[in-house]
Amino acid sequence: MNETDKAKLVEDLIDVICKEGMVDREKATPDATIESLDLKSIDIVMILTAIEEKFDVYIPMDGSFQEAKTVQELIDALATYIQKEKA
C-alpha cells in the first residue's frame, strides 16, 4: 500500500470514527484521547462494526482496538490491521 492509499485509509477511518461516534471532525485530532471525545466502549464497538462493513474485513473484538487511548493509536492499529488483512 502506497502513501496515497494509506492517507486515504486514514481519512476514511477518521470519517467513520466521526460519523459513528458522533464526533465533530475538528475534534478528532491525532492526539485527541478517546476519553476526551466521550467515546464509550459501545461507541468503539459501533465504530469497529462500521469499519468492518466499509472495508470488508473482520475485526476481532478482543480488546486490542479497545485499548487505544488516542485517535492516532486507534487509527494506527486499524490501518495496520486492514493493510495486513488486504495484503
C-alpha atoms as a PDB file:
ATOM      1  CA  MET A   1       0.000   0.000   0.000  1.00  0.00           C
ATOM      2  CA  ASN A   2       1.482   3.332  -1.036  1.00  0.00           C
ATOM      3  CA  GLU A   3       1.401   6.581   0.936  1.00  0.00           C
ATOM      4  CA  THR A   4      -1.585   7.935  -1.015  1.00  0.00           C
ATOM      5  CA  ASP A   5      -3.623   4.814  -0.277  1.00  0.00           C
ATOM      6  CA  LYS A   6      -2.587   4.926   3.363  1.00  0.00           C
ATOM      7  CA  ALA A   7      -3.531   8.620   3.647  1.00  0.00           C
ATOM      8  CA  LYS A   8      -6.938   7.846   2.124  1.00  0.00           C
ATOM      9  CA  LEU A   9      -7.375   4.904   4.504  1.00  0.00           C
ATOM     10  CA  VAL A  10      -6.586   7.160   7.477  1.00  0.00           C
ATOM     11  CA  GLU A  11      -9.075   9.792   6.244  1.00  0.00           C
ATOM     12  CA  ASP A  12     -11.734   7.100   5.744  1.00  0.00           C
ATOM     13  CA  LEU A  13     -11.108   5.766   9.259  1.00  0.00           C
ATOM     14  CA  ILE A  14     -11.447   9.255  10.749  1.00  0.00           C
ATOM     15  CA  ASP A  15     -14.689   9.716   8.780  1.00  0.00           C
ATOM     16  CA  VAL A  16     -16.115   6.517  10.267  1.00  0.00           C
ATOM     17  CA  ILE A  17     -14.967   7.419  13.800  1.00  0.00           C
ATOM     18  CA  CYS A  18     -16.619  10.846  13.496  1.00  0.00           C
ATOM     19  CA  LYS A  19     -19.824   9.539  11.947  1.00  0.00           C
ATOM     20  CA  GLU A  20     -20.337   6.520  14.205  1.00  0.00           C
ATOM     21  CA  GLY A  21     -19.013   8.194  17.338  1.00  0.00           C
ATOM     22  CA  MET A  22     -20.930  11.395  16.609  1.00  0.00           C
ATOM     23  CA  VAL A  23     -17.714  13.389  16.994  1.00  0.00           C
ATOM     24  CA  ASP A  24     -17.030  16.765  15.364  1.00  0.00           C
ATOM     25  CA  ARG A  25     -14.350  16.287  12.713  1.00  0.00           C
ATOM     26  CA  GLU A  26     -12.218  19.151  14.071  1.00  0.00           C
ATOM     27  CA  LYS A  27     -12.126  17.468  17.487  1.00  0.00           C
ATOM     28  CA  ALA A  28     -10.867  14.155  16.070  1.00  0.00           C
ATOM     29  CA  THR A  29      -7.223  15.204  16.021  1.00  0.00           C
ATOM     30  CA  PRO A  30      -4.490  12.551  16.198  1.00  0.00           C
ATOM     31  CA  ASP A  31      -3.622  13.480  19.785  1.00  0.00           C
ATOM     32  CA  ALA A  32      -7.235  13.663  20.981  1.00  0.00           C
ATOM     33  CA  THR A  33      -7.922  10.981  23.547  1.00  0.00           C
ATOM     34  CA  ILE A  34     -10.796   8.570  23.159  1.00  0.00           C
ATOM     35  CA  GLU A  35     -11.949   9.763  26.566  1.00  0.00           C
ATOM     36  CA  SER A  36     -11.885  13.452  25.544  1.00  0.00           C
ATOM     37  CA  LEU A  37     -14.144  12.607  22.595  1.00  0.00           C
ATOM     38  CA  ASP A  38     -16.511  10.973  25.091  1.00  0.00           C
ATOM     39  CA  LEU A  39     -16.392   7.660  23.216  1.00  0.00           C
ATOM     40  CA  LYS A  40     -17.639   4.784  25.346  1.00  0.00           C
ATOM     41  CA  SER A  41     -16.884   1.137  24.677  1.00  0.00           C
ATOM     42  CA  ILE A  42     -20.258   0.770  22.927  1.00  0.00           C
ATOM     43  CA  ASP A  43     -19.249   3.636  20.597  1.00  0.00           C
ATOM     44  CA  ILE A  44     -15.971   1.867  19.842  1.00  0.00           C
ATOM     45  CA  VAL A  45     -17.874  -1.340  19.033  1.00  0.00           C
ATOM     46  CA  MET A  46     -20.168   0.625  16.677  1.00  0.00           C
ATOM     47  CA  ILE A  47     -17.121   2.232  15.042  1.00  0.00           C
ATOM     48  CA  LEU A  48     -15.375  -1.131  14.626  1.00  0.00           C
ATOM     49  CA  THR A  49     -18.537  -2.706  13.191  1.00  0.00           C
ATOM     50  CA  ALA A  50     -18.903   0.149  10.678  1.00  0.00           C
ATOM     51  CA  ILE A  51     -15.240  -0.234   9.719  1.00  0.00           C
ATOM     52  CA  GLU A  52     -15.766  -3.964   9.166  1.00  0.00           C
ATOM     53  CA  GLU A  53     -18.621  -3.185   6.786  1.00  0.00           C
ATOM     54  CA  LYS A  54     -16.832  -0.359   4.968  1.00  0.00           C
ATOM     55  CA  PHE A  55     -13.564  -2.235   4.429  1.00  0.00           C
ATOM     56  CA  ASP A  56     -14.976  -5.768   4.237  1.00  0.00           C
ATOM     57  CA  VAL A  57     -12.683  -7.107   6.961  1.00  0.00           C
ATOM     58  CA  TYR A  58     -13.322  -8.981  10.168  1.00  0.00           C
ATOM     59  CA  ILE A  59     -12.162  -7.042  13.226  1.00  0.00           C
ATOM     60  CA  PRO A  60     -11.778  -9.103  16.396  1.00  0.00           C
ATOM     61  CA  MET A  61     -13.344  -7.510  19.448  1.00  0.00           C
ATOM     62  CA  ASP A  62     -10.586  -8.958  21.633  1.00  0.00           C
ATOM     63  CA  GLY A  63      -9.636  -5.675  23.189  1.00  0.00           C
ATOM     64  CA  SER A  64      -6.564  -4.617  21.223  1.00  0.00           C
ATOM     65  CA  PHE A  65      -8.500  -1.844  19.470  1.00  0.00           C
ATOM     66  CA  GLN A  66     -10.459  -1.128  22.646  1.00  0.00           C
ATOM     67  CA  GLU A  67      -7.178  -0.327  24.441  1.00  0.00           C
ATOM     68  CA  ALA A  68      -6.250   2.605  22.195  1.00  0.00           C
ATOM     69  CA  LYS A  69      -6.025   5.795  24.226  1.00  0.00           C
ATOM     70  CA  THR A  70      -5.787   8.349  21.407  1.00  0.00           C
ATOM     71  CA  VAL A  71      -7.311   8.775  17.960  1.00  0.00           C
ATOM     72  CA  GLN A  72      -3.823   8.220  16.496  1.00  0.00           C
ATOM     73  CA  GLU A  73      -3.356   4.906  18.330  1.00  0.00           C
ATOM     74  CA  LEU A  74      -6.773   3.695  17.190  1.00  0.00           C
ATOM     75  CA  ILE A  75      -6.174   4.727  13.579  1.00  0.00           C
ATOM     76  CA  ASP A  76      -2.657   3.242  13.521  1.00  0.00           C
ATOM     77  CA  ALA A  77      -3.917  -0.066  14.903  1.00  0.00           C
ATOM     78  CA  LEU A  78      -6.839  -0.193  12.478  1.00  0.00           C
ATOM     79  CA  ALA A  79      -4.812   0.905   9.440  1.00  0.00           C
ATOM     80  CA  THR A  80      -2.102  -1.682  10.161  1.00  0.00           C
ATOM     81  CA  TYR A  81      -4.706  -4.392  10.673  1.00  0.00           C
ATOM     82  CA  ILE A  82      -6.673  -3.535   7.497  1.00  0.00           C
ATOM     83  CA  GLN A  83      -3.481  -3.361   5.406  1.00  0.00           C
ATOM     84  CA  LYS A  84      -2.449  -6.781   6.724  1.00  0.00           C
ATOM     85  CA  GLU A  85      -5.880  -8.279   6.009  1.00  0.00           C
ATOM     86  CA  LYS A  86      -5.972  -6.844   2.482  1.00  0.00           C
ATOM     87  CA  ALA A  87      -2.400  -7.848   1.626  1.00  0.00           C
END
